Amino acid sequence: MPSRRIAILDPAATVVDIDSVVGLMTETFGERGDEKALVETWLTETHRCVRVAVNLDNDVVGLAVLTVPERFDAVAYGEPFGTDVAARVGAGPVALFNQLLVAPGARQQGVATALASAVGDWVVRRGVAAVLGISWHHGGDHHSGHLFLRAGFTALGQCRGFYQRFHDATGQQCTVCQPAPCDCTASLFGLSLP
């Protein structure tokens, strides 16, 4: 049950402290340098849903970002995880959880559940057939895999060193493994919608 001390905001319709959103992203993933421009772009894209969780002090404590890509290559997406995504979740439009972040001090308070629930209507309005999410196991047991399972998602596969590919493409260091190459495991989850 989400905390009554948390509000979920649509930053496209409500003033949100973008710098605080960027701070949560860099705290979680490390600094890339383009986070602010990335968030500002997300807010203008109609194929993307952004929701921000704030506490009573209006501090940003969570972020959810989903995308319905114009083109989706299920084979390429599932390949690192050793799974055929299309065979597992079916055909049709797919929504991708790009971000599901909760600040360390706000974990285990229902923030991620509230964020995931808040994007549900947006997904349904777009006629999405399935939702996919990747959970980054970056040290400890505070990854989004538990949320995906509680929400009815199915574990589709795992890939050790998955985020090293991201590092190779962007130069962004893993906040856990740096300066060594990232060896964190990622898990892929899928949810077919009726």
C-alpha atoms as a PDB file:
ATOM      1  CA  MET A   1       0.000   0.000   0.000  1.00  0.00           C
ATOM      2  CA  PRO A   2       1.553   3.323  -1.067  1.00  0.00           C
ATOM      3  CA  SER A   3       2.362   5.805   1.662  1.00  0.00           C
ATOM      4  CA  ARG A   4      -0.081   8.688   2.110  1.00  0.00           C
ATOM      5  CA  ARG A   5       2.995  10.876   2.407  1.00  0.00           C
ATOM      6  CA  ILE A   6       3.804  10.425  -1.296  1.00  0.00           C
ATOM      7  CA  ALA A   7       2.248  12.193  -4.293  1.00  0.00           C
ATOM      8  CA  ILE A   8       2.669  11.033  -7.884  1.00  0.00           C
ATOM      9  CA  LEU A   9       3.003  13.922 -10.346  1.00  0.00           C
ATOM     10  CA  ASP A  10       2.878  14.225 -14.119  1.00  0.00           C
ATOM     11  CA  PRO A  11       5.759  16.648 -14.738  1.00  0.00           C
ATOM     12  CA  ALA A  12       4.296  17.606 -18.114  1.00  0.00           C
ATOM     13  CA  ALA A  13       1.264  19.035 -16.241  1.00  0.00           C
ATOM     14  CA  THR A  14       2.802  20.015 -12.887  1.00  0.00           C
ATOM     15  CA  VAL A  15       5.903  21.976 -11.959  1.00  0.00           C
ATOM     16  CA  VAL A  16       8.572  19.505 -10.844  1.00  0.00           C
ATOM     17  CA  ASP A  17      12.144  20.262  -9.787  1.00  0.00           C
ATOM     18  CA  ILE A  18      13.982  18.785 -12.792  1.00  0.00           C
ATOM     19  CA  ASP A  19      17.338  19.184 -11.020  1.00  0.00           C
ATOM     20  CA  SER A  20      16.075  16.899  -8.245  1.00  0.00           C
ATOM     21  CA  VAL A  21      14.971  14.320 -10.831  1.00  0.00           C
ATOM     22  CA  VAL A  22      18.452  14.513 -12.357  1.00  0.00           C
ATOM     23  CA  GLY A  23      19.969  14.122  -8.872  1.00  0.00           C
ATOM     24  CA  LEU A  24      18.015  10.902  -8.305  1.00  0.00           C
ATOM     25  CA  MET A  25      19.151   9.563 -11.680  1.00  0.00           C
ATOM     26  CA  THR A  26      22.835  10.339 -11.076  1.00  0.00           C
ATOM     27  CA  GLU A  27      22.671   8.945  -7.539  1.00  0.00           C
ATOM     28  CA  THR A  28      21.342   5.692  -8.977  1.00  0.00           C
ATOM     29  CA  PHE A  29      23.234   5.349 -12.255  1.00  0.00           C
ATOM     30  CA  GLY A  30      26.198   7.698 -12.012  1.00  0.00           C
ATOM     31  CA  GLU A  31      26.692  10.871 -14.003  1.00  0.00           C
ATOM     32  CA  ARG A  32      26.510  10.951 -17.816  1.00  0.00           C
ATOM     33  CA  GLY A  33      26.396  14.709 -18.181  1.00  0.00           C
ATOM     34  CA  ASP A  34      23.282  14.874 -20.348  1.00  0.00           C
ATOM     35  CA  GLU A  35      20.656  13.918 -17.768  1.00  0.00           C
ATOM     36  CA  LYS A  36      18.906  17.289 -17.636  1.00  0.00           C
ATOM     37  CA  ALA A  37      18.541  17.481 -21.422  1.00  0.00           C
ATOM     38  CA  LEU A  38      17.351  13.868 -21.413  1.00  0.00           C
ATOM     39  CA  VAL A  39      14.606  14.549 -18.844  1.00  0.00           C
ATOM     40  CA  GLU A  40      13.536  17.725 -20.650  1.00  0.00           C
ATOM     41  CA  THR A  41      13.286  15.746 -23.899  1.00  0.00           C
ATOM     42  CA  TRP A  42      11.270  12.981 -22.215  1.00  0.00           C
ATOM     43  CA  LEU A  43       8.702  15.557 -21.100  1.00  0.00           C
ATOM     44  CA  THR A  44       8.028  16.651 -24.679  1.00  0.00           C
ATOM     45  CA  GLU A  45       7.676  13.186 -26.230  1.00  0.00           C
ATOM     46  CA  THR A  46       4.127  11.870 -26.640  1.00  0.00           C
ATOM     47  CA  HIS A  47       5.278   8.239 -26.893  1.00  0.00           C
ATOM     48  CA  ARG A  48       6.790   8.477 -23.400  1.00  0.00           C
ATOM     49  CA  CYS A  49       5.157   8.589 -19.959  1.00  0.00           C
ATOM     50  CA  VAL A  50       7.029  10.244 -17.075  1.00  0.00           C
ATOM     51  CA  ARG A  51       5.805  10.213 -13.481  1.00  0.00           C
ATOM     52  CA  VAL A  52       7.609  11.614 -10.440  1.00  0.00           C
ATOM     53  CA  ALA A  53       7.014  10.729  -6.790  1.00  0.00           C
ATOM     54  CA  VAL A  54       7.465  13.497  -4.218  1.00  0.00           C
ATOM     55  CA  ASN A  55       7.206  13.461  -0.440  1.00  0.00           C
ATOM     56  CA  LEU A  56       5.437  15.987   1.807  1.00  0.00           C
ATOM     57  CA  ASP A  57       8.448  18.307   1.574  1.00  0.00           C
ATOM     58  CA  ASN A  58       8.172  18.151  -2.246  1.00  0.00           C
ATOM     59  CA  ASP A  59      11.476  16.241  -2.461  1.00  0.00           C
ATOM     60  CA  VAL A  60      11.729  13.950  -5.484  1.00  0.00           C
ATOM     61  CA  VAL A  61      11.822  10.372  -4.157  1.00  0.00           C
ATOM     62  CA  GLY A  62      10.943   8.338  -7.249  1.00  0.00           C
ATOM     63  CA  LEU A  63      10.809   8.308 -11.035  1.00  0.00           C
ATOM     64  CA  ALA A  64       9.026   6.121 -13.586  1.00  0.00           C
ATOM     65  CA  VAL A  65       9.573   6.440 -17.333  1.00  0.00           C
ATOM     66  CA  LEU A  66       7.847   4.260 -19.931  1.00  0.00           C
ATOM     67  CA  THR A  67       8.157   4.337 -23.706  1.00  0.00           C
ATOM     68  CA  VAL A  68       6.057   2.857 -26.475  1.00  0.00           C
ATOM     69  CA  PRO A  69       8.655   2.654 -29.250  1.00  0.00           C
ATOM     70  CA  GLU A  70       7.590   3.289 -32.836  1.00  0.00           C
ATOM     71  CA  ARG A  71       9.509   0.175 -33.864  1.00  0.00           C
ATOM     72  CA  PHE A  72      10.388  -2.633 -31.501  1.00  0.00           C
ATOM     73  CA  ASP A  73      12.849  -5.413 -32.354  1.00  0.00           C
ATOM     74  CA  ALA A  74      11.825  -8.201 -29.988  1.00  0.00           C
ATOM     75  CA  VAL A  75      14.652 -10.467 -31.162  1.00  0.00           C
ATOM     76  CA  ALA A  76      17.390  -7.889 -30.491  1.00  0.00           C
ATOM     77  CA  TYR A  77      15.811  -6.862 -27.178  1.00  0.00           C
ATOM     78  CA  GLY A  78      15.622 -10.423 -25.860  1.00  0.00           C
ATOM     79  CA  GLU A  79      18.907 -11.725 -27.281  1.00  0.00           C
ATOM     80  CA  PRO A  80      21.202 -10.706 -24.372  1.00  0.00           C
ATOM     81  CA  PHE A  81      18.790 -12.478 -22.015  1.00  0.00           C
ATOM     82  CA  GLY A  82      18.590 -15.645 -24.102  1.00  0.00           C
ATOM     83  CA  THR A  83      14.851 -15.317 -24.673  1.00  0.00           C
ATOM     84  CA  ASP A  84      12.449 -14.809 -27.565  1.00  0.00           C
ATOM     85  CA  VAL A  85      10.458 -11.840 -26.270  1.00  0.00           C
ATOM     86  CA  ALA A  86       7.744 -12.057 -28.933  1.00  0.00           C
ATOM     87  CA  ALA A  87       7.118 -15.730 -28.171  1.00  0.00           C
ATOM     88  CA  ARG A  88       6.937 -15.001 -24.439  1.00  0.00           C
ATOM     89  CA  VAL A  89       4.707 -11.898 -24.374  1.00  0.00           C
ATOM     90  CA  GLY A  90       2.949 -11.985 -27.742  1.00  0.00           C
ATOM     91  CA  ALA A  91       2.701  -9.602 -30.646  1.00  0.00           C
ATOM     92  CA  GLY A  92       1.419  -6.057 -30.562  1.00  0.00           C
ATOM     93  CA  PRO A  93       2.571  -2.724 -29.192  1.00  0.00           C
ATOM     94  CA  VAL A  94       5.059  -2.993 -26.342  1.00  0.00           C
ATOM     95  CA  ALA A  95       5.773  -0.500 -23.559  1.00  0.00           C
ATOM     96  CA  LEU A  96       9.258  -0.433 -22.077  1.00  0.00           C
ATOM     97  CA  PHE A  97      10.022   0.624 -18.508  1.00  0.00           C
ATOM     98  CA  ASN A  98      13.058   2.841 -19.122  1.00  0.00           C
ATOM     99  CA  GLN A  99      13.362   3.973 -15.508  1.00  0.00           C
ATOM    100  CA  LEU A 100      11.852   2.877 -12.219  1.00  0.00           C
ATOM    101  CA  LEU A 101      13.872   4.548  -9.481  1.00  0.00           C
ATOM    102  CA  VAL A 102      13.270   5.123  -5.785  1.00  0.00           C
ATOM    103  CA  ALA A 103      15.578   7.158  -3.545  1.00  0.00           C
ATOM    104  CA  PRO A 104      17.304   4.981  -0.914  1.00  0.00           C
ATOM    105  CA  GLY A 105      15.571   6.765   1.983  1.00  0.00           C
ATOM    106  CA  ALA A 106      12.118   6.176   0.447  1.00  0.00           C
ATOM    107  CA  ARG A 107      12.407   2.470  -0.357  1.00  0.00           C
ATOM    108  CA  GLN A 108      10.026  -0.082   1.133  1.00  0.00           C
ATOM    109  CA  GLN A 109       7.318   2.590   1.474  1.00  0.00           C
ATOM    110  CA  GLY A 110       5.236   1.780  -1.606  1.00  0.00           C
ATOM    111  CA  VAL A 111       6.774   4.439  -3.858  1.00  0.00           C
ATOM    112  CA  ALA A 112       7.640   2.069  -6.727  1.00  0.00           C
ATOM    113  CA  THR A 113       4.220   0.421  -6.503  1.00  0.00           C
ATOM    114  CA  ALA A 114       2.517   3.826  -6.659  1.00  0.00           C
ATOM    115  CA  LEU A 115       4.635   4.854  -9.650  1.00  0.00           C
ATOM    116  CA  ALA A 116       3.925   1.612 -11.518  1.00  0.00           C
ATOM    117  CA  SER A 117       0.216   1.970 -10.825  1.00  0.00           C
ATOM    118  CA  ALA A 118       0.220   5.601 -11.992  1.00  0.00           C
ATOM    119  CA  VAL A 119       1.469   4.662 -15.449  1.00  0.00           C
ATOM    120  CA  GLY A 120      -1.134   1.901 -15.892  1.00  0.00           C
ATOM    121  CA  ASP A 121      -3.850   4.112 -17.400  1.00  0.00           C
ATOM    122  CA  TRP A 122      -1.376   5.629 -19.839  1.00  0.00           C
ATOM    123  CA  VAL A 123      -0.360   2.138 -21.038  1.00  0.00           C
ATOM    124  CA  VAL A 124      -3.980   1.004 -21.450  1.00  0.00           C
ATOM    125  CA  ARG A 125      -4.904   4.135 -23.472  1.00  0.00           C
ATOM    126  CA  ARG A 126      -2.185   3.274 -25.971  1.00  0.00           C
ATOM    127  CA  GLY A 127      -3.453  -0.249 -26.611  1.00  0.00           C
ATOM    128  CA  VAL A 128      -0.248  -1.836 -25.384  1.00  0.00           C
ATOM    129  CA  ALA A 129      -0.173  -5.646 -25.556  1.00  0.00           C
ATOM    130  CA  ALA A 130       2.798  -6.134 -23.202  1.00  0.00           C
ATOM    131  CA  VAL A 131       5.092  -4.236 -20.847  1.00  0.00           C
ATOM    132  CA  LEU A 132       8.781  -5.090 -20.480  1.00  0.00           C
ATOM    133  CA  GLY A 133      11.131  -4.003 -17.747  1.00  0.00           C
ATOM    134  CA  ILE A 134      14.784  -4.591 -16.940  1.00  0.00           C
ATOM    135  CA  SER A 135      15.908  -4.781 -13.338  1.00  0.00           C
ATOM    136  CA  TRP A 136      19.512  -3.842 -12.585  1.00  0.00           C
ATOM    137  CA  HIS A 137      20.965  -5.979  -9.758  1.00  0.00           C
ATOM    138  CA  HIS A 138      23.552  -3.442  -8.642  1.00  0.00           C
ATOM    139  CA  GLY A 139      24.600  -4.713  -5.261  1.00  0.00           C
ATOM    140  CA  GLY A 140      22.235  -5.574  -2.456  1.00  0.00           C
ATOM    141  CA  ASP A 141      18.620  -6.618  -2.703  1.00  0.00           C
ATOM    142  CA  HIS A 142      17.127  -3.223  -3.625  1.00  0.00           C
ATOM    143  CA  HIS A 143      16.368  -3.802  -7.297  1.00  0.00           C
ATOM    144  CA  SER A 144      13.036  -3.509  -9.092  1.00  0.00           C
ATOM    145  CA  GLY A 145      12.714  -7.248  -9.740  1.00  0.00           C
ATOM    146  CA  HIS A 146      10.571  -7.701  -6.630  1.00  0.00           C
ATOM    147  CA  LEU A 147       8.172  -4.997  -7.816  1.00  0.00           C
ATOM    148  CA  PHE A 148       7.838  -6.539 -11.261  1.00  0.00           C
ATOM    149  CA  LEU A 149       7.035  -9.950  -9.735  1.00  0.00           C
ATOM    150  CA  ARG A 150       4.468  -8.463  -7.317  1.00  0.00           C
ATOM    151  CA  ALA A 151       2.827  -6.672 -10.249  1.00  0.00           C
ATOM    152  CA  GLY A 152       2.346  -9.957 -12.127  1.00  0.00           C
ATOM    153  CA  PHE A 153       5.337  -9.769 -14.460  1.00  0.00           C
ATOM    154  CA  THR A 154       7.147 -12.975 -15.419  1.00  0.00           C
ATOM    155  CA  ALA A 155      10.931 -13.298 -15.264  1.00  0.00           C
ATOM    156  CA  LEU A 156      12.081 -13.842 -18.863  1.00  0.00           C
ATOM    157  CA  GLY A 157      15.855 -14.133 -18.455  1.00  0.00           C
ATOM    158  CA  GLN A 158      19.065 -12.769 -16.977  1.00  0.00           C
ATOM    159  CA  CYS A 159      22.252 -11.331 -18.421  1.00  0.00           C
ATOM    160  CA  ARG A 160      25.467 -10.824 -16.464  1.00  0.00           C
ATOM    161  CA  GLY A 161      27.387  -7.723 -17.563  1.00  0.00           C
ATOM    162  CA  PHE A 162      24.369  -6.340 -19.454  1.00  0.00           C
ATOM    163  CA  TYR A 163      25.134  -2.746 -18.500  1.00  0.00           C
ATOM    164  CA  GLN A 164      28.690  -2.995 -19.789  1.00  0.00           C
ATOM    165  CA  ARG A 165      27.077  -2.726 -23.233  1.00  0.00           C
ATOM    166  CA  PHE A 166      25.423   0.516 -22.080  1.00  0.00           C
ATOM    167  CA  HIS A 167      28.772   1.781 -20.779  1.00  0.00           C
ATOM    168  CA  ASP A 168      30.451   0.945 -24.076  1.00  0.00           C
ATOM    169  CA  ALA A 169      27.796   2.960 -25.943  1.00  0.00           C
ATOM    170  CA  THR A 170      27.596   5.990 -23.594  1.00  0.00           C
ATOM    171  CA  GLY A 171      30.759   6.014 -21.483  1.00  0.00           C
ATOM    172  CA  GLN A 172      28.651   6.112 -18.303  1.00  0.00           C
ATOM    173  CA  GLN A 173      30.271   4.163 -15.459  1.00  0.00           C
ATOM    174  CA  CYS A 174      28.370   1.702 -13.279  1.00  0.00           C
ATOM    175  CA  THR A 175      28.061   3.300  -9.839  1.00  0.00           C
ATOM    176  CA  VAL A 176      28.830  -0.056  -8.178  1.00  0.00           C
ATOM    177  CA  CYS A 177      31.572  -1.551 -10.353  1.00  0.00           C
ATOM    178  CA  GLN A 178      33.481   1.599 -11.365  1.00  0.00           C
ATOM    179  CA  PRO A 179      36.208   2.008 -12.322  1.00  0.00           C
ATOM    180  CA  ALA A 180      36.186  -1.672 -13.340  1.00  0.00           C
ATOM    181  CA  PRO A 181      33.906  -2.814 -16.186  1.00  0.00           C
ATOM    182  CA  CYS A 182      30.333  -3.438 -15.060  1.00  0.00           C
ATOM    183  CA  ASP A 183      29.650  -7.029 -14.101  1.00  0.00           C
ATOM    184  CA  CYS A 184      26.179  -6.417 -12.634  1.00  0.00           C
ATOM    185  CA  THR A 185      23.369  -8.744 -13.636  1.00  0.00           C
ATOM    186  CA  ALA A 186      20.195  -7.522 -15.305  1.00  0.00           C
ATOM    187  CA  SER A 187      16.903  -9.407 -15.343  1.00  0.00           C
ATOM    188  CA  LEU A 188      14.236  -9.017 -18.012  1.00  0.00           C
ATOM    189  CA  PHE A 189      10.573  -9.106 -16.961  1.00  0.00           C
ATOM    190  CA  GLY A 190       7.451  -9.156 -19.114  1.00  0.00           C
ATOM    191  CA  LEU A 191       3.735  -8.685 -18.566  1.00  0.00           C
ATOM    192  CA  SER A 192       1.160  -9.557 -21.228  1.00  0.00           C
ATOM    193  CA  LEU A 193      -1.933  -7.383 -21.063  1.00  0.00           C
ATOM    194  CA  PRO A 194      -5.496  -8.561 -21.826  1.00  0.00           C
END
